[in-house]
Amino acid sequence: MNYLVELKLAHRPANQQEGIVFIEQLILPTLELCKKLEAQKKIVAGGPLSGAVALSLIVSADSAQELDDLITSLPVWPRMETTVTPLTTFDVRMRAVRARLEQLKTQGGDR
């Protein structure tokens, strides 16, 4: 299953030294790990947002636990506000919409 994972920085570093540590210990290792996860096809799309300290990723995971493990493995994760949205497929949505359409047509014929 695919998930839209959005991570946005919760609090900016307070000073220059914190900024250096933040970049060296959190940002760069997170970007390196994301590249590896992309090569492993765990991150299937997305990336860093331009002009922001944020990531928007499409993550492929077989379970909620696998997804949680992946997200929490990102070094920057403790400093981020994270939103996860489960995604369906176009085929699954089309089947649901067609079923709903048939239901509506059937209900309309009863009147």
N, C-alpha and C. Protein backbone atom coordinates (compact mmCIF):
# COMPACT_ATOMS: atom_id res chain seq x y z
N MET A 1 0.86 -1.17 0.00
CA MET A 1 0.00 0.00 0.00
C MET A 1 0.90 1.23 0.00
N ASN A 2 0.42 2.28 -0.64
CA ASN A 2 1.16 3.53 -0.68
C ASN A 2 0.55 4.55 0.28
N TYR A 3 1.43 5.38 0.82
CA TYR A 3 1.04 6.42 1.76
C TYR A 3 1.69 7.73 1.37
N LEU A 4 0.94 8.82 1.49
CA LEU A 4 1.52 10.15 1.37
C LEU A 4 2.02 10.53 2.76
N VAL A 5 3.31 10.77 2.88
CA VAL A 5 3.93 11.13 4.16
C VAL A 5 4.47 12.55 4.02
N GLU A 6 3.97 13.44 4.86
CA GLU A 6 4.42 14.84 4.84
C GLU A 6 5.08 15.15 6.17
N LEU A 7 6.31 15.62 6.10
CA LEU A 7 7.07 15.99 7.29
C LEU A 7 7.45 17.45 7.17
N LYS A 8 7.08 18.25 8.17
CA LYS A 8 7.39 19.67 8.19
C LYS A 8 8.09 20.02 9.49
N LEU A 9 9.10 20.84 9.41
CA LEU A 9 9.87 21.21 10.58
C LEU A 9 8.98 21.86 11.63
N ALA A 10 9.05 21.35 12.85
CA ALA A 10 8.23 21.88 13.94
C ALA A 10 8.86 23.14 14.55
N HIS A 11 10.18 23.13 14.74
CA HIS A 11 10.87 24.28 15.35
C HIS A 11 12.21 24.47 14.69
N ARG A 12 12.48 25.69 14.27
CA ARG A 12 13.77 26.01 13.66
C ARG A 12 14.86 26.06 14.72
N PRO A 13 16.09 25.74 14.33
CA PRO A 13 17.20 25.89 15.27
C PRO A 13 17.27 27.33 15.79
N ALA A 14 17.61 27.46 17.06
CA ALA A 14 17.58 28.77 17.72
C ALA A 14 18.76 29.65 17.37
N ASN A 15 19.90 29.05 16.99
CA ASN A 15 21.08 29.87 16.71
C ASN A 15 21.95 29.17 15.67
N GLN A 16 23.04 29.82 15.32
CA GLN A 16 23.92 29.30 14.28
C GLN A 16 24.49 27.93 14.64
N GLN A 17 24.94 27.75 15.86
CA GLN A 17 25.51 26.46 16.27
C GLN A 17 24.47 25.35 16.19
N GLU A 18 23.26 25.62 16.66
CA GLU A 18 22.19 24.62 16.55
C GLU A 18 21.89 24.32 15.08
N GLY A 19 21.96 25.34 14.23
CA GLY A 19 21.73 25.15 12.80
C GLY A 19 22.76 24.22 12.18
N ILE A 20 24.01 24.40 12.57
CA ILE A 20 25.09 23.54 12.06
C ILE A 20 24.86 22.10 12.49
N VAL A 21 24.57 21.90 13.76
CA VAL A 21 24.32 20.55 14.28
C VAL A 21 23.09 19.95 13.59
N PHE A 22 22.06 20.74 13.43
CA PHE A 22 20.83 20.28 12.78
C PHE A 22 21.11 19.77 11.37
N ILE A 23 21.87 20.53 10.62
CA ILE A 23 22.18 20.13 9.24
C ILE A 23 23.08 18.90 9.22
N GLU A 24 24.15 18.92 10.03
CA GLU A 24 25.12 17.83 10.00
C GLU A 24 24.57 16.52 10.55
N GLN A 25 23.79 16.60 11.63
CA GLN A 25 23.35 15.39 12.31
C GLN A 25 21.95 14.91 11.92
N LEU A 26 21.15 15.80 11.37
CA LEU A 26 19.76 15.42 11.06
C LEU A 26 19.43 15.53 9.57
N ILE A 27 19.65 16.69 8.98
CA ILE A 27 19.22 16.91 7.59
C ILE A 27 20.01 16.04 6.61
N LEU A 28 21.33 16.15 6.61
CA LEU A 28 22.12 15.39 5.65
C LEU A 28 21.97 13.88 5.82
N PRO A 29 21.99 13.34 7.05
CA PRO A 29 21.75 11.89 7.19
C PRO A 29 20.34 11.47 6.73
N THR A 30 19.36 12.33 6.94
CA THR A 30 18.00 12.02 6.48
C THR A 30 17.95 11.96 4.96
N LEU A 31 18.57 12.92 4.30
CA LEU A 31 18.57 12.93 2.84
C LEU A 31 19.29 11.69 2.28
N GLU A 32 20.41 11.30 2.92
CA GLU A 32 21.13 10.10 2.50
C GLU A 32 20.25 8.85 2.67
N LEU A 33 19.57 8.75 3.79
CA LEU A 33 18.70 7.60 4.03
C LEU A 33 17.55 7.59 3.03
N CYS A 34 16.99 8.75 2.74
CA CYS A 34 15.90 8.82 1.75
C CYS A 34 16.37 8.36 0.38
N LYS A 35 17.59 8.70 0.00
CA LYS A 35 18.14 8.21 -1.27
C LYS A 35 18.22 6.69 -1.27
N LYS A 36 18.65 6.09 -0.16
CA LYS A 36 18.72 4.63 -0.06
C LYS A 36 17.33 4.01 -0.12
N LEU A 37 16.37 4.61 0.59
CA LEU A 37 15.00 4.09 0.57
C LEU A 37 14.38 4.23 -0.82
N GLU A 38 14.74 5.27 -1.53
CA GLU A 38 14.28 5.44 -2.91
C GLU A 38 14.87 4.34 -3.80
N ALA A 39 16.15 4.03 -3.64
CA ALA A 39 16.79 2.97 -4.42
C ALA A 39 16.16 1.61 -4.11
N GLN A 40 15.69 1.44 -2.86
CA GLN A 40 15.04 0.19 -2.45
C GLN A 40 13.56 0.16 -2.82
N LYS A 41 13.08 1.23 -3.47
CA LYS A 41 11.68 1.35 -3.89
C LYS A 41 10.71 1.44 -2.71
N LYS A 42 11.21 1.86 -1.54
CA LYS A 42 10.34 2.12 -0.40
C LYS A 42 9.77 3.53 -0.49
N ILE A 43 10.58 4.47 -0.96
CA ILE A 43 10.07 5.80 -1.33
C ILE A 43 9.92 5.74 -2.84
N VAL A 44 8.66 5.84 -3.31
CA VAL A 44 8.40 5.67 -4.73
C VAL A 44 8.23 6.98 -5.48
N ALA A 45 8.09 8.09 -4.73
CA ALA A 45 7.98 9.41 -5.36
C ALA A 45 8.13 10.47 -4.28
N GLY A 46 8.24 11.70 -4.73
CA GLY A 46 8.32 12.81 -3.80
C GLY A 46 9.74 13.24 -3.53
N GLY A 47 9.90 14.05 -2.49
CA GLY A 47 11.22 14.53 -2.12
C GLY A 47 11.11 15.76 -1.24
N PRO A 48 12.25 16.47 -1.09
CA PRO A 48 12.24 17.70 -0.31
C PRO A 48 11.40 18.78 -1.00
N LEU A 49 10.72 19.59 -0.21
CA LEU A 49 9.94 20.69 -0.76
C LEU A 49 10.85 21.89 -0.98
N SER A 50 10.71 22.53 -2.11
CA SER A 50 11.52 23.70 -2.41
C SER A 50 11.20 24.83 -1.45
N GLY A 51 12.24 25.47 -0.94
CA GLY A 51 12.07 26.64 -0.10
C GLY A 51 11.56 26.37 1.30
N ALA A 52 11.60 25.11 1.74
CA ALA A 52 11.09 24.77 3.07
C ALA A 52 11.92 23.64 3.65
N VAL A 53 11.90 23.52 4.96
CA VAL A 53 12.49 22.35 5.60
C VAL A 53 11.34 21.36 5.77
N ALA A 54 11.12 20.59 4.70
CA ALA A 54 9.97 19.69 4.66
C ALA A 54 10.20 18.62 3.60
N LEU A 55 9.55 17.48 3.81
CA LEU A 55 9.58 16.39 2.86
C LEU A 55 8.14 16.00 2.54
N SER A 56 7.91 15.64 1.31
CA SER A 56 6.63 15.09 0.89
C SER A 56 6.96 13.83 0.10
N LEU A 57 6.57 12.67 0.65
CA LEU A 57 7.00 11.40 0.10
C LEU A 57 5.81 10.47 -0.15
N ILE A 58 5.91 9.69 -1.19
CA ILE A 58 5.00 8.57 -1.38
C ILE A 58 5.80 7.33 -0.96
N VAL A 59 5.35 6.69 0.11
CA VAL A 59 6.05 5.55 0.70
C VAL A 59 5.24 4.29 0.45
N SER A 60 5.93 3.24 0.03
CA SER A 60 5.31 1.94 -0.16
C SER A 60 5.63 1.09 1.07
N ALA A 61 4.59 0.59 1.75
CA ALA A 61 4.78 -0.24 2.93
C ALA A 61 3.70 -1.31 2.97
N ASP A 62 4.08 -2.49 3.43
CA ASP A 62 3.14 -3.60 3.50
C ASP A 62 2.27 -3.58 4.75
N SER A 63 2.65 -2.76 5.74
CA SER A 63 1.87 -2.71 6.97
C SER A 63 2.07 -1.35 7.63
N ALA A 64 1.19 -1.05 8.57
CA ALA A 64 1.32 0.19 9.34
C ALA A 64 2.61 0.18 10.14
N GLN A 65 2.99 -0.99 10.65
CA GLN A 65 4.23 -1.10 11.42
C GLN A 65 5.46 -0.81 10.55
N GLU A 66 5.47 -1.35 9.34
CA GLU A 66 6.58 -1.09 8.42
C GLU A 66 6.66 0.40 8.10
N LEU A 67 5.51 1.02 7.87
CA LEU A 67 5.47 2.46 7.60
C LEU A 67 6.00 3.24 8.79
N ASP A 68 5.52 2.89 9.98
CA ASP A 68 5.96 3.58 11.19
C ASP A 68 7.47 3.41 11.40
N ASP A 69 7.97 2.22 11.18
CA ASP A 69 9.41 1.97 11.33
C ASP A 69 10.22 2.82 10.35
N LEU A 70 9.74 2.92 9.12
CA LEU A 70 10.45 3.71 8.11
C LEU A 70 10.47 5.18 8.50
N ILE A 71 9.31 5.72 8.85
CA ILE A 71 9.23 7.15 9.18
C ILE A 71 10.10 7.47 10.40
N THR A 72 10.00 6.65 11.44
CA THR A 72 10.73 6.94 12.66
C THR A 72 12.22 6.66 12.53
N SER A 73 12.63 5.97 11.46
CA SER A 73 14.06 5.75 11.22
C SER A 73 14.75 6.99 10.65
N LEU A 74 13.97 7.94 10.16
CA LEU A 74 14.56 9.16 9.59
C LEU A 74 15.16 9.99 10.73
N PRO A 75 16.43 10.31 10.65
CA PRO A 75 17.06 11.07 11.75
C PRO A 75 16.33 12.36 12.11
N VAL A 76 15.73 13.01 11.14
CA VAL A 76 15.08 14.29 11.39
C VAL A 76 13.68 14.14 11.99
N TRP A 77 13.14 12.93 11.99
CA TRP A 77 11.75 12.71 12.40
C TRP A 77 11.38 13.33 13.75
N PRO A 78 12.19 13.24 14.81
CA PRO A 78 11.76 13.82 16.09
C PRO A 78 11.53 15.33 16.04
N ARG A 79 12.09 16.01 15.07
CA ARG A 79 11.95 17.47 14.96
C ARG A 79 10.84 17.88 14.00
N MET A 80 10.13 16.91 13.45
CA MET A 80 9.15 17.19 12.40
C MET A 80 7.71 16.93 12.88
N GLU A 81 6.79 17.69 12.31
CA GLU A 81 5.36 17.37 12.41
C GLU A 81 5.05 16.48 11.22
N THR A 82 4.46 15.33 11.48
CA THR A 82 4.27 14.32 10.45
C THR A 82 2.79 14.06 10.21
N THR A 83 2.42 14.01 8.94
CA THR A 83 1.07 13.66 8.54
C THR A 83 1.16 12.49 7.57
N VAL A 84 0.33 11.47 7.79
CA VAL A 84 0.30 10.30 6.92
C VAL A 84 -1.10 10.15 6.36
N THR A 85 -1.19 10.00 5.05
CA THR A 85 -2.47 9.79 4.37
C THR A 85 -2.39 8.50 3.56
N PRO A 86 -3.21 7.50 3.91
CA PRO A 86 -3.22 6.27 3.10
C PRO A 86 -3.78 6.59 1.71
N LEU A 87 -3.18 5.99 0.71
CA LEU A 87 -3.63 6.19 -0.67
C LEU A 87 -4.20 4.90 -1.22
N THR A 88 -5.21 5.03 -2.04
CA THR A 88 -5.76 3.89 -2.74
C THR A 88 -5.22 3.92 -4.17
N THR A 89 -5.68 3.01 -5.01
CA THR A 89 -5.25 3.01 -6.41
C THR A 89 -6.38 3.55 -7.28
N PHE A 90 -6.04 3.91 -8.49
CA PHE A 90 -7.07 4.39 -9.41
C PHE A 90 -8.07 3.29 -9.73
N ASP A 91 -7.60 2.05 -9.87
CA ASP A 91 -8.51 0.93 -10.15
C ASP A 91 -9.49 0.70 -9.01
N VAL A 92 -8.99 0.72 -7.78
CA VAL A 92 -9.87 0.51 -6.62
C VAL A 92 -10.92 1.62 -6.55
N ARG A 93 -10.50 2.85 -6.79
CA ARG A 93 -11.45 3.97 -6.74
C ARG A 93 -12.47 3.86 -7.87
N MET A 94 -12.03 3.46 -9.07
CA MET A 94 -12.97 3.31 -10.18
C MET A 94 -14.01 2.25 -9.87
N ARG A 95 -13.61 1.13 -9.27
CA ARG A 95 -14.58 0.08 -8.90
C ARG A 95 -15.59 0.62 -7.90
N ALA A 96 -15.12 1.37 -6.92
CA ALA A 96 -16.03 1.93 -5.91
C ALA A 96 -17.00 2.93 -6.53
N VAL A 97 -16.49 3.77 -7.42
CA VAL A 97 -17.35 4.77 -8.07
C VAL A 97 -18.36 4.10 -8.99
N ARG A 98 -17.93 3.08 -9.71
CA ARG A 98 -18.88 2.36 -10.59
C ARG A 98 -19.97 1.67 -9.76
N ALA A 99 -19.60 1.08 -8.65
CA ALA A 99 -20.59 0.44 -7.77
C ALA A 99 -21.58 1.49 -7.26
N ARG A 100 -21.07 2.64 -6.88
CA ARG A 100 -21.95 3.73 -6.41
C ARG A 100 -22.85 4.21 -7.53
N LEU A 101 -22.32 4.32 -8.74
CA LEU A 101 -23.12 4.74 -9.90
C LEU A 101 -24.26 3.75 -10.14
N GLU A 102 -23.95 2.47 -10.10
CA GLU A 102 -25.00 1.46 -10.30
C GLU A 102 -26.06 1.55 -9.21
N GLN A 103 -25.62 1.80 -7.98
CA GLN A 103 -26.56 1.94 -6.87
C GLN A 103 -27.48 3.15 -7.12
N LEU A 104 -26.91 4.24 -7.56
CA LEU A 104 -27.70 5.45 -7.83
C LEU A 104 -28.69 5.21 -8.97
N LYS A 105 -28.26 4.52 -10.01
CA LYS A 105 -29.14 4.22 -11.15
C LYS A 105 -30.30 3.33 -10.72
N THR A 106 -30.00 2.36 -9.87
CA THR A 106 -31.03 1.45 -9.38
C THR A 106 -32.04 2.20 -8.53
N GLN A 107 -31.55 3.07 -7.66
CA GLN A 107 -32.43 3.86 -6.80
C GLN A 107 -33.27 4.81 -7.64
N GLY A 108 -32.68 5.35 -8.69
CA GLY A 108 -33.42 6.29 -9.54
C GLY A 108 -34.52 5.60 -10.32
N GLY A 109 -34.36 4.33 -10.66
CA GLY A 109 -35.37 3.57 -11.39
C GLY A 109 -36.56 3.20 -10.55
N ASP A 110 -36.44 3.28 -9.21
CA ASP A 110 -37.54 2.91 -8.31
C ASP A 110 -38.57 4.02 -8.18
N ARG A 111 -38.26 5.18 -8.64
CA ARG A 111 -39.16 6.32 -8.42
C ARG A 111 -40.19 6.44 -9.48
